[in-house]
Each structure stands twice: as C-alpha cells, then as structure tokens.
Amino acid sequence: MKEGPPSFENDVRSLFREKDRSLMQWAFDLWAHADVRDNAPQILQRLEDGDMPCDEPWPKDRIEAFRSWMRAGMQP
C-alpha cells in the first residue's frame, strides 16, 4: 500500500491516456501537473458530467481518485 497523499505523478497522470492528452492539447496538457492543477475544478466537472474523455465516461473509482488528489492538495 502506498504511503502519503495522492500525487500527480503516481496517481493522476496515468489516469489520462495519450489519446485524452492529444485531444485536449489545444486547451491544456493533461500530463503536466501545473496545467491539470490550474484546471482541476473544470476537469472534475467534465469527468462527473461524463463528457470527458470524449469517447467514454470514467468509472466512479477513477473520478474519486482524481477528487481525492484535489482534496489532498494536488501534490506533484
């Protein structure tokens, strides 16, 4: 079991596929901590609404992993 709060590199970055990154590159980089941190509320809203990623909604556990990272302070 992993120690400490969730981090972008260990827990969040891998949630986004290369396809997701490519499709959103026009707005921000889903593999860049600063971009995801700065847009986290909007990203979470789109994930909860089921319109991000565009091909299929995330399962609830992945959304909760993203939400947990936000609540824990959005560590790099």
PDB file of N, CA and C in Angstrom:
ATOM      1  N   MET A   1       0.827  -1.181   0.000  1.00  0.00           N
ATOM      2  CA  MET A   1       0.000   0.000   0.000  1.00  0.00           C
ATOM      3  C   MET A   1       0.874   1.248   0.000  1.00  0.00           C
ATOM      4  N   LYS A   2       0.514   2.224  -0.788  1.00  0.00           N
ATOM      5  CA  LYS A   2       1.290   3.440  -0.938  1.00  0.00           C
ATOM      6  C   LYS A   2       1.122   4.344   0.273  1.00  0.00           C
ATOM      7  N   GLU A   3       2.233   4.950   0.677  1.00  0.00           N
ATOM      8  CA  GLU A   3       2.223   5.882   1.802  1.00  0.00           C
ATOM      9  C   GLU A   3       2.011   7.300   1.311  1.00  0.00           C
ATOM     10  N   GLY A   4       1.420   8.118   2.165  1.00  0.00           N
ATOM     11  CA  GLY A   4       1.296   9.532   1.873  1.00  0.00           C
ATOM     12  C   GLY A   4       0.096   9.886   1.009  1.00  0.00           C
ATOM     13  N   PRO A   5      -0.038  11.196   0.768  1.00  0.00           N
ATOM     14  CA  PRO A   5      -1.176  11.672  -0.025  1.00  0.00           C
ATOM     15  C   PRO A   5      -1.020  11.311  -1.495  1.00  0.00           C
ATOM     16  N   PRO A   6      -2.112  11.300  -2.242  1.00  0.00           N
ATOM     17  CA  PRO A   6      -2.009  11.029  -3.675  1.00  0.00           C
ATOM     18  C   PRO A   6      -1.181  12.112  -4.361  1.00  0.00           C
ATOM     19  N   SER A   7      -0.461  11.713  -5.387  1.00  0.00           N
ATOM     20  CA  SER A   7       0.348  12.672  -6.138  1.00  0.00           C
ATOM     21  C   SER A   7      -0.013  12.600  -7.623  1.00  0.00           C
ATOM     22  N   PHE A   8       0.287  13.671  -8.314  1.00  0.00           N
ATOM     23  CA  PHE A   8       0.008  13.720  -9.747  1.00  0.00           C
ATOM     24  C   PHE A   8       0.780  12.625 -10.474  1.00  0.00           C
ATOM     25  N   GLU A   9       2.077  12.551 -10.228  1.00  0.00           N
ATOM     26  CA  GLU A   9       2.917  11.594 -10.954  1.00  0.00           C
ATOM     27  C   GLU A   9       2.544  10.149 -10.660  1.00  0.00           C
ATOM     28  N   ASN A  10       2.206   9.838  -9.423  1.00  0.00           N
ATOM     29  CA  ASN A  10       1.927   8.445  -9.051  1.00  0.00           C
ATOM     30  C   ASN A  10       0.470   8.027  -9.222  1.00  0.00           C
ATOM     31  N   ASP A  11      -0.447   8.979  -9.128  1.00  0.00           N
ATOM     32  CA  ASP A  11      -1.853   8.598  -9.045  1.00  0.00           C
ATOM     33  C   ASP A  11      -2.776   9.223 -10.091  1.00  0.00           C
ATOM     34  N   VAL A  12      -2.395  10.340 -10.670  1.00  0.00           N
ATOM     35  CA  VAL A  12      -3.313  11.056 -11.552  1.00  0.00           C
ATOM     36  C   VAL A  12      -2.887  11.018 -13.015  1.00  0.00           C
ATOM     37  N   ARG A  13      -1.643  11.285 -13.277  1.00  0.00           N
ATOM     38  CA  ARG A  13      -1.188  11.377 -14.674  1.00  0.00           C
ATOM     39  C   ARG A  13      -1.567  10.142 -15.482  1.00  0.00           C
ATOM     40  N   SER A  14      -1.419   8.980 -14.890  1.00  0.00           N
ATOM     41  CA  SER A  14      -1.699   7.729 -15.609  1.00  0.00           C
ATOM     42  C   SER A  14      -3.192   7.506 -15.864  1.00  0.00           C
ATOM     43  N   LEU A  15      -4.053   8.282 -15.211  1.00  0.00           N
ATOM     44  CA  LEU A  15      -5.490   8.163 -15.475  1.00  0.00           C
ATOM     45  C   LEU A  15      -5.836   8.670 -16.872  1.00  0.00           C
ATOM     46  N   PHE A  16      -5.012   9.589 -17.383  1.00  0.00           N
ATOM     47  CA  PHE A  16      -5.243  10.177 -18.695  1.00  0.00           C
ATOM     48  C   PHE A  16      -4.434   9.434 -19.753  1.00  0.00           C
ATOM     49  N   ARG A  17      -5.114   8.966 -20.772  1.00  0.00           N
ATOM     50  CA  ARG A  17      -4.454   8.251 -21.867  1.00  0.00           C
ATOM     51  C   ARG A  17      -3.789   9.249 -22.813  1.00  0.00           C
ATOM     52  N   GLU A  18      -2.906   8.741 -23.645  1.00  0.00           N
ATOM     53  CA  GLU A  18      -2.271   9.583 -24.655  1.00  0.00           C
ATOM     54  C   GLU A  18      -3.332  10.216 -25.557  1.00  0.00           C
ATOM     55  N   LYS A  19      -4.366   9.456 -25.875  1.00  0.00           N
ATOM     56  CA  LYS A  19      -5.467   9.959 -26.707  1.00  0.00           C
ATOM     57  C   LYS A  19      -6.153  11.151 -26.030  1.00  0.00           C
ATOM     58  N   ASP A  20      -6.404  11.042 -24.716  1.00  0.00           N
ATOM     59  CA  ASP A  20      -7.024  12.137 -23.974  1.00  0.00           C
ATOM     60  C   ASP A  20      -6.138  13.379 -24.037  1.00  0.00           C
ATOM     61  N   ARG A  21      -4.863  13.157 -23.822  1.00  0.00           N
ATOM     62  CA  ARG A  21      -3.899  14.267 -23.845  1.00  0.00           C
ATOM     63  C   ARG A  21      -3.909  14.962 -25.206  1.00  0.00           C
ATOM     64  N   SER A  22      -3.856  14.183 -26.267  1.00  0.00           N
ATOM     65  CA  SER A  22      -3.831  14.753 -27.617  1.00  0.00           C
ATOM     66  C   SER A  22      -5.083  15.565 -27.912  1.00  0.00           C
ATOM     67  N   LEU A  23      -6.236  15.037 -27.522  1.00  0.00           N
ATOM     68  CA  LEU A  23      -7.491  15.722 -27.801  1.00  0.00           C
ATOM     69  C   LEU A  23      -7.657  17.022 -27.016  1.00  0.00           C
ATOM     70  N   MET A  24      -7.029  17.122 -25.852  1.00  0.00           N
ATOM     71  CA  MET A  24      -7.171  18.317 -25.017  1.00  0.00           C
ATOM     72  C   MET A  24      -5.983  19.272 -25.121  1.00  0.00           C
ATOM     73  N   GLN A  25      -4.985  18.918 -25.919  1.00  0.00           N
ATOM     74  CA  GLN A  25      -3.760  19.720 -26.026  1.00  0.00           C
ATOM     75  C   GLN A  25      -4.046  21.166 -26.409  1.00  0.00           C
ATOM     76  N   TRP A  26      -5.129  21.412 -27.115  1.00  0.00           N
ATOM     77  CA  TRP A  26      -5.468  22.778 -27.524  1.00  0.00           C
ATOM     78  C   TRP A  26      -5.773  23.666 -26.315  1.00  0.00           C
ATOM     79  N   ALA A  27      -6.218  23.054 -25.218  1.00  0.00           N
ATOM     80  CA  ALA A  27      -6.599  23.826 -24.032  1.00  0.00           C
ATOM     81  C   ALA A  27      -5.545  23.757 -22.924  1.00  0.00           C
ATOM     82  N   PHE A  28      -5.047  22.544 -22.666  1.00  0.00           N
ATOM     83  CA  PHE A  28      -4.025  22.332 -21.641  1.00  0.00           C
ATOM     84  C   PHE A  28      -3.469  20.928 -21.794  1.00  0.00           C
ATOM     85  N   ASP A  29      -2.359  20.679 -21.109  1.00  0.00           N
ATOM     86  CA  ASP A  29      -1.670  19.389 -21.191  1.00  0.00           C
ATOM     87  C   ASP A  29      -2.072  18.533 -19.997  1.00  0.00           C
ATOM     88  N   LEU A  30      -2.777  17.445 -20.261  1.00  0.00           N
ATOM     89  CA  LEU A  30      -3.232  16.555 -19.194  1.00  0.00           C
ATOM     90  C   LEU A  30      -2.100  15.777 -18.536  1.00  0.00           C
ATOM     91  N   TRP A  31      -0.908  15.844 -19.081  1.00  0.00           N
ATOM     92  CA  TRP A  31       0.233  15.182 -18.471  1.00  0.00           C
ATOM     93  C   TRP A  31       1.147  16.177 -17.754  1.00  0.00           C
ATOM     94  N   ALA A  32       0.724  17.424 -17.644  1.00  0.00           N
ATOM     95  CA  ALA A  32       1.510  18.452 -16.961  1.00  0.00           C
ATOM     96  C   ALA A  32       0.812  18.818 -15.650  1.00  0.00           C
ATOM     97  N   HIS A  33       1.499  18.629 -14.547  1.00  0.00           N
ATOM     98  CA  HIS A  33       0.926  18.896 -13.234  1.00  0.00           C
ATOM     99  C   HIS A  33       0.319  20.288 -13.146  1.00  0.00           C
ATOM    100  N   ALA A  34       1.054  21.316 -13.548  1.00  0.00           N
ATOM    101  CA  ALA A  34       0.569  22.696 -13.412  1.00  0.00           C
ATOM    102  C   ALA A  34      -0.717  22.910 -14.209  1.00  0.00           C
ATOM    103  N   ASP A  35      -0.789  22.368 -15.413  1.00  0.00           N
ATOM    104  CA  ASP A  35      -1.986  22.538 -16.240  1.00  0.00           C
ATOM    105  C   ASP A  35      -3.204  21.862 -15.611  1.00  0.00           C
ATOM    106  N   VAL A  36      -3.006  20.642 -15.119  1.00  0.00           N
ATOM    107  CA  VAL A  36      -4.126  19.913 -14.519  1.00  0.00           C
ATOM    108  C   VAL A  36      -4.515  20.565 -13.192  1.00  0.00           C
ATOM    109  N   ARG A  37      -3.536  20.952 -12.398  1.00  0.00           N
ATOM    110  CA  ARG A  37      -3.833  21.638 -11.130  1.00  0.00           C
ATOM    111  C   ARG A  37      -4.635  22.911 -11.377  1.00  0.00           C
ATOM    112  N   ASP A  38      -4.202  23.716 -12.337  1.00  0.00           N
ATOM    113  CA  ASP A  38      -4.848  25.000 -12.616  1.00  0.00           C
ATOM    114  C   ASP A  38      -6.257  24.845 -13.191  1.00  0.00           C
ATOM    115  N   ASN A  39      -6.547  23.698 -13.771  1.00  0.00           N
ATOM    116  CA  ASN A  39      -7.851  23.449 -14.392  1.00  0.00           C
ATOM    117  C   ASN A  39      -8.638  22.344 -13.692  1.00  0.00           C
ATOM    118  N   ALA A  40      -8.186  21.926 -12.522  1.00  0.00           N
ATOM    119  CA  ALA A  40      -8.774  20.771 -11.838  1.00  0.00           C
ATOM    120  C   ALA A  40     -10.280  20.882 -11.600  1.00  0.00           C
ATOM    121  N   PRO A  41     -10.808  22.011 -11.129  1.00  0.00           N
ATOM    122  CA  PRO A  41     -12.266  22.060 -10.918  1.00  0.00           C
ATOM    123  C   PRO A  41     -13.060  21.839 -12.205  1.00  0.00           C
ATOM    124  N   GLN A  42     -12.591  22.428 -13.292  1.00  0.00           N
ATOM    125  CA  GLN A  42     -13.278  22.264 -14.577  1.00  0.00           C
ATOM    126  C   GLN A  42     -13.138  20.831 -15.093  1.00  0.00           C
ATOM    127  N   ILE A  43     -11.960  20.256 -14.927  1.00  0.00           N
ATOM    128  CA  ILE A  43     -11.745  18.874 -15.350  1.00  0.00           C
ATOM    129  C   ILE A  43     -12.665  17.949 -14.557  1.00  0.00           C
ATOM    130  N   LEU A  44     -12.702  18.131 -13.234  1.00  0.00           N
ATOM    131  CA  LEU A  44     -13.563  17.287 -12.400  1.00  0.00           C
ATOM    132  C   LEU A  44     -15.021  17.410 -12.824  1.00  0.00           C
ATOM    133  N   GLN A  45     -15.477  18.612 -13.086  1.00  0.00           N
ATOM    134  CA  GLN A  45     -16.863  18.806 -13.515  1.00  0.00           C
ATOM    135  C   GLN A  45     -17.156  18.041 -14.800  1.00  0.00           C
ATOM    136  N   ARG A  46     -16.246  18.117 -15.751  1.00  0.00           N
ATOM    137  CA  ARG A  46     -16.441  17.410 -17.028  1.00  0.00           C
ATOM    138  C   ARG A  46     -16.397  15.901 -16.820  1.00  0.00           C
ATOM    139  N   LEU A  47     -15.523  15.425 -15.925  1.00  0.00           N
ATOM    140  CA  LEU A  47     -15.468  13.993 -15.622  1.00  0.00           C
ATOM    141  C   LEU A  47     -16.781  13.541 -14.983  1.00  0.00           C
ATOM    142  N   GLU A  48     -17.283  14.320 -14.039  1.00  0.00           N
ATOM    143  CA  GLU A  48     -18.539  13.976 -13.365  1.00  0.00           C
ATOM    144  C   GLU A  48     -19.722  14.019 -14.330  1.00  0.00           C
ATOM    145  N   ASP A  49     -19.697  14.965 -15.258  1.00  0.00           N
ATOM    146  CA  ASP A  49     -20.770  15.074 -16.252  1.00  0.00           C
ATOM    147  C   ASP A  49     -20.705  13.961 -17.299  1.00  0.00           C
ATOM    148  N   GLY A  50     -19.557  13.270 -17.387  1.00  0.00           N
ATOM    149  CA  GLY A  50     -19.406  12.174 -18.332  1.00  0.00           C
ATOM    150  C   GLY A  50     -19.039  12.592 -19.738  1.00  0.00           C
ATOM    151  N   ASP A  51     -18.655  13.869 -19.918  1.00  0.00           N
ATOM    152  CA  ASP A  51     -18.283  14.298 -21.273  1.00  0.00           C
ATOM    153  C   ASP A  51     -16.778  14.455 -21.452  1.00  0.00           C
ATOM    154  N   MET A  52     -16.007  14.011 -20.495  1.00  0.00           N
ATOM    155  CA  MET A  52     -14.554  13.939 -20.621  1.00  0.00           C
ATOM    156  C   MET A  52     -14.133  12.644 -19.948  1.00  0.00           C
ATOM    157  N   PRO A  53     -13.351  11.829 -20.607  1.00  0.00           N
ATOM    158  CA  PRO A  53     -12.935  11.931 -22.004  1.00  0.00           C
ATOM    159  C   PRO A  53     -14.122  11.759 -22.954  1.00  0.00           C
ATOM    160  N   CYS A  54     -13.868  12.117 -24.183  1.00  0.00           N
ATOM    161  CA  CYS A  54     -14.975  12.210 -25.139  1.00  0.00           C
ATOM    162  C   CYS A  54     -15.516  10.855 -25.606  1.00  0.00           C
ATOM    163  N   ASP A  55     -14.746   9.787 -25.461  1.00  0.00           N
ATOM    164  CA  ASP A  55     -15.213   8.501 -26.001  1.00  0.00           C
ATOM    165  C   ASP A  55     -15.971   7.632 -25.005  1.00  0.00           C
ATOM    166  N   GLU A  56     -15.735   7.808 -23.719  1.00  0.00           N
ATOM    167  CA  GLU A  56     -16.455   7.027 -22.711  1.00  0.00           C
ATOM    168  C   GLU A  56     -16.240   7.658 -21.340  1.00  0.00           C
ATOM    169  N   PRO A  57     -17.278   7.709 -20.514  1.00  0.00           N
ATOM    170  CA  PRO A  57     -17.133   8.281 -19.179  1.00  0.00           C
ATOM    171  C   PRO A  57     -16.213   7.435 -18.307  1.00  0.00           C
ATOM    172  N   TRP A  58     -15.556   8.084 -17.386  1.00  0.00           N
ATOM    173  CA  TRP A  58     -14.727   7.370 -16.421  1.00  0.00           C
ATOM    174  C   TRP A  58     -15.607   6.636 -15.422  1.00  0.00           C
ATOM    175  N   PRO A  59     -15.128   5.487 -14.932  1.00  0.00           N
ATOM    176  CA  PRO A  59     -15.836   4.824 -13.833  1.00  0.00           C
ATOM    177  C   PRO A  59     -15.701   5.673 -12.554  1.00  0.00           C
ATOM    178  N   LYS A  60     -16.609   5.471 -11.637  1.00  0.00           N
ATOM    179  CA  LYS A  60     -16.646   6.259 -10.402  1.00  0.00           C
ATOM    180  C   LYS A  60     -15.338   6.196  -9.617  1.00  0.00           C
ATOM    181  N   ASP A  61     -14.649   5.065  -9.603  1.00  0.00           N
ATOM    182  CA  ASP A  61     -13.409   4.957  -8.828  1.00  0.00           C
ATOM    183  C   ASP A  61     -12.305   5.846  -9.394  1.00  0.00           C
ATOM    184  N   ARG A  62     -12.262   6.029 -10.697  1.00  0.00           N
ATOM    185  CA  ARG A  62     -11.258   6.919 -11.296  1.00  0.00           C
ATOM    186  C   ARG A  62     -11.580   8.375 -10.994  1.00  0.00           C
ATOM    187  N   ILE A  63     -12.865   8.718 -11.046  1.00  0.00           N
ATOM    188  CA  ILE A  63     -13.263  10.077 -10.693  1.00  0.00           C
ATOM    189  C   ILE A  63     -12.917  10.345  -9.232  1.00  0.00           C
ATOM    190  N   GLU A  64     -13.164   9.367  -8.379  1.00  0.00           N
ATOM    191  CA  GLU A  64     -12.849   9.529  -6.959  1.00  0.00           C
ATOM    192  C   GLU A  64     -11.347   9.660  -6.730  1.00  0.00           C
ATOM    193  N   ALA A  65     -10.526   8.964  -7.513  1.00  0.00           N
ATOM    194  CA  ALA A  65      -9.069   9.110  -7.399  1.00  0.00           C
ATOM    195  C   ALA A  65      -8.654  10.538  -7.738  1.00  0.00           C
ATOM    196  N   PHE A  66      -9.242  11.097  -8.780  1.00  0.00           N
ATOM    197  CA  PHE A  66      -8.951  12.484  -9.160  1.00  0.00           C
ATOM    198  C   PHE A  66      -9.419  13.433  -8.063  1.00  0.00           C
ATOM    199  N   ARG A  67     -10.624  13.230  -7.557  1.00  0.00           N
ATOM    200  CA  ARG A  67     -11.180  14.066  -6.486  1.00  0.00           C
ATOM    201  C   ARG A  67     -10.311  13.975  -5.226  1.00  0.00           C
ATOM    202  N   SER A  68      -9.857  12.790  -4.885  1.00  0.00           N
ATOM    203  CA  SER A  68      -9.003  12.603  -3.704  1.00  0.00           C
ATOM    204  C   SER A  68      -7.696  13.364  -3.839  1.00  0.00           C
ATOM    205  N   TRP A  69      -7.133  13.348  -5.030  1.00  0.00           N
ATOM    206  CA  TRP A  69      -5.906  14.109  -5.283  1.00  0.00           C
ATOM    207  C   TRP A  69      -6.167  15.598  -5.066  1.00  0.00           C
ATOM    208  N   MET A  70      -7.288  16.088  -5.561  1.00  0.00           N
ATOM    209  CA  MET A  70      -7.641  17.501  -5.359  1.00  0.00           C
ATOM    210  C   MET A  70      -7.779  17.817  -3.867  1.00  0.00           C
ATOM    211  N   ARG A  71      -8.514  16.993  -3.158  1.00  0.00           N
ATOM    212  CA  ARG A  71      -8.752  17.226  -1.732  1.00  0.00           C
ATOM    213  C   ARG A  71      -7.460  17.180  -0.918  1.00  0.00           C
ATOM    214  N   ALA A  72      -6.500  16.393  -1.369  1.00  0.00           N
ATOM    215  CA  ALA A  72      -5.240  16.232  -0.641  1.00  0.00           C
ATOM    216  C   ALA A  72      -4.233  17.342  -0.963  1.00  0.00           C
ATOM    217  N   GLY A  73      -4.629  18.294  -1.785  1.00  0.00           N
ATOM    218  CA  GLY A  73      -3.731  19.430  -2.039  1.00  0.00           C
ATOM    219  C   GLY A  73      -3.055  19.425  -3.392  1.00  0.00           C
ATOM    220  N   MET A  74      -3.431  18.508  -4.266  1.00  0.00           N
ATOM    221  CA  MET A  74      -2.922  18.446  -5.642  1.00  0.00           C
ATOM    222  C   MET A  74      -1.389  18.423  -5.720  1.00  0.00           C
ATOM    223  N   GLN A  75      -0.822  17.492  -4.969  1.00  0.00           N
ATOM    224  CA  GLN A  75       0.635  17.329  -4.928  1.00  0.00           C
ATOM    225  C   GLN A  75       1.186  16.913  -6.292  1.00  0.00           C
ATOM    226  N   PRO A  76       2.400  17.400  -6.600  1.00  0.00           N
ATOM    227  CA  PRO A  76       3.030  16.984  -7.874  1.00  0.00           C
ATOM    228  C   PRO A  76       3.388  15.525  -7.805  1.00  0.00           C
TER     229      PRO A  76
END
